[in-house]
C-alpha atoms as a PDB file:
ATOM      1  CA  MET A   1       0.077   0.086  -0.014  1.00  0.00           C
ATOM      2  CA  LYS A   2       1.275   3.501  -0.871  1.00  0.00           C
ATOM      3  CA  THR A   3      -0.219   6.765   0.428  1.00  0.00           C
ATOM      4  CA  VAL A   4       0.053  10.106  -1.319  1.00  0.00           C
ATOM      5  CA  GLN A   5      -1.696  13.494  -1.089  1.00  0.00           C
ATOM      6  CA  ILE A   6      -4.110  14.634  -3.753  1.00  0.00           C
ATOM      7  CA  SER A   7      -5.998  18.057  -4.376  1.00  0.00           C
ATOM      8  CA  LEU A   8      -9.638  17.685  -5.395  1.00  0.00           C
ATOM      9  CA  ASN A   9     -10.603  21.339  -5.264  1.00  0.00           C
ATOM     10  CA  SER A  10     -13.118  21.490  -8.129  1.00  0.00           C
ATOM     11  CA  ILE A  11     -16.142  19.387  -9.460  1.00  0.00           C
ATOM     12  CA  ASP A  12     -14.255  18.864 -12.794  1.00  0.00           C
ATOM     13  CA  LYS A  13     -11.346  17.511 -10.925  1.00  0.00           C
ATOM     14  CA  VAL A  14     -13.376  15.060  -8.743  1.00  0.00           C
ATOM     15  CA  LYS A  15     -15.220  13.794 -12.113  1.00  0.00           C
ATOM     16  CA  SER A  16     -12.187  13.217 -14.058  1.00  0.00           C
ATOM     17  CA  PHE A  17     -10.361  11.629 -10.892  1.00  0.00           C
ATOM     18  CA  VAL A  18     -13.192   9.079 -10.309  1.00  0.00           C
ATOM     19  CA  ASN A  19     -13.224   8.236 -14.048  1.00  0.00           C
ATOM     20  CA  THR A  20      -9.498   7.765 -13.918  1.00  0.00           C
ATOM     21  CA  ILE A  21      -9.356   5.314 -10.954  1.00  0.00           C
ATOM     22  CA  ASN A  22     -12.548   3.501 -12.064  1.00  0.00           C
ATOM     23  CA  LEU A  23     -10.267   2.186 -14.872  1.00  0.00           C
ATOM     24  CA  MET A  24      -7.802   0.637 -12.544  1.00  0.00           C
ATOM     25  CA  ASP A  25      -8.356  -2.775 -10.864  1.00  0.00           C
ATOM     26  CA  CYS A  26      -7.084  -2.021  -7.422  1.00  0.00           C
ATOM     27  CA  ASP A  27      -8.754  -0.406  -4.321  1.00  0.00           C
ATOM     28  CA  PHE A  28      -8.411   3.152  -3.419  1.00  0.00           C
ATOM     29  CA  ASP A  29      -9.479   4.912  -0.017  1.00  0.00           C
ATOM     30  CA  LEU A  30      -9.446   8.755   0.478  1.00  0.00           C
ATOM     31  CA  ILE A  31      -8.773   9.576   4.227  1.00  0.00           C
ATOM     32  CA  SER A  32      -9.711  13.076   5.725  1.00  0.00           C
ATOM     33  CA  GLY A  33      -9.270  13.197   9.430  1.00  0.00           C
ATOM     34  CA  ARG A  34     -11.157  10.180  10.795  1.00  0.00           C
ATOM     35  CA  TYR A  35     -13.125   9.592   7.701  1.00  0.00           C
ATOM     36  CA  VAL A  36     -12.229   6.758   5.379  1.00  0.00           C
ATOM     37  CA  ILE A  37     -14.266   6.593   2.038  1.00  0.00           C
ATOM     38  CA  ASP A  38     -13.944   4.431  -1.219  1.00  0.00           C
ATOM     39  CA  ALA A  39     -12.080   6.767  -3.521  1.00  0.00           C
ATOM     40  CA  LYS A  40     -14.298   5.364  -6.543  1.00  0.00           C
ATOM     41  CA  SER A  41     -17.380   6.598  -4.941  1.00  0.00           C
ATOM     42  CA  ILE A  42     -18.206  10.154  -6.328  1.00  0.00           C
ATOM     43  CA  MET A  43     -21.027  10.806  -3.693  1.00  0.00           C
ATOM     44  CA  GLY A  44     -18.427   9.906  -0.798  1.00  0.00           C
ATOM     45  CA  ILE A  45     -15.908  12.280  -2.177  1.00  0.00           C
ATOM     46  CA  PHE A  46     -18.389  15.057  -2.142  1.00  0.00           C
ATOM     47  CA  SER A  47     -18.894  14.339   1.754  1.00  0.00           C
ATOM     48  CA  LEU A  48     -15.350  15.459   2.314  1.00  0.00           C
ATOM     49  CA  ASP A  49     -13.840  18.831   2.812  1.00  0.00           C
ATOM     50  CA  LEU A  50     -12.273  19.350  -0.424  1.00  0.00           C
ATOM     51  CA  SER A  51     -10.774  22.769   0.272  1.00  0.00           C
ATOM     52  CA  LYS A  52      -7.593  21.178   1.623  1.00  0.00           C
ATOM     53  CA  PRO A  53      -5.293  18.086   0.335  1.00  0.00           C
ATOM     54  CA  ILE A  54      -6.693  14.611   0.997  1.00  0.00           C
ATOM     55  CA  ASP A  55      -4.687  11.317   1.617  1.00  0.00           C
ATOM     56  CA  LEU A  56      -5.092   8.749  -1.000  1.00  0.00           C
ATOM     57  CA  ALA A  57      -4.386   5.101   0.105  1.00  0.00           C
ATOM     58  CA  ILE A  58      -3.548   3.053  -3.150  1.00  0.00           C
ATOM     59  CA  HIS A  59      -3.966  -0.769  -2.323  1.00  0.00           C
ATOM     60  CA  ALA A  60      -1.790  -2.126  -5.129  1.00  0.00           C
ATOM     61  CA  GLU A  61       1.079  -4.619  -5.087  1.00  0.00           C
ATOM     62  CA  THR A  62       2.222  -3.942  -8.578  1.00  0.00           C
ATOM     63  CA  ASP A  63       2.045  -1.212 -11.218  1.00  0.00           C
ATOM     64  CA  VAL A  64       2.423   1.472  -8.445  1.00  0.00           C
ATOM     65  CA  ASP A  65       4.288   3.559 -10.636  1.00  0.00           C
ATOM     66  CA  LYS A  66       1.907   3.378 -13.593  1.00  0.00           C
ATOM     67  CA  ILE A  67      -0.926   4.360 -11.143  1.00  0.00           C
ATOM     68  CA  LEU A  68       0.954   7.268  -9.866  1.00  0.00           C
ATOM     69  CA  GLU A  69       1.638   8.494 -13.340  1.00  0.00           C
ATOM     70  CA  ALA A  70      -2.106   8.310 -14.142  1.00  0.00           C
ATOM     71  CA  LEU A  71      -2.818  10.135 -10.952  1.00  0.00           C
ATOM     72  CA  LYS A  72      -0.138  12.986 -11.632  1.00  0.00           C
ATOM     73  CA  PRO A  73      -2.710  15.871 -12.193  1.00  0.00           C
ATOM     74  CA  TYR A  74      -4.075  15.369  -8.792  1.00  0.00           C
ATOM     75  CA  LEU A  75      -1.036  14.828  -6.653  1.00  0.00           C
ATOM     76  CA  VAL A  76       0.019  17.842  -4.406  1.00  0.00           C
END
């Protein structure tokens, strides 16, 4: 598992982020304070405070570099 910080500070960014990670086979969690939600859930994402960076936990054993490359527009 790898954890990175991402920024989803607009509705368009949230939509494109969810579309990007839904193409991947591994699981993703967003962690904001004491809340942990499924990063593939657009409704869950909108329940978080998006004004500041959020931790993204990537549950992948392989291809982490490819995943990080795809997520580059959202990384802090």
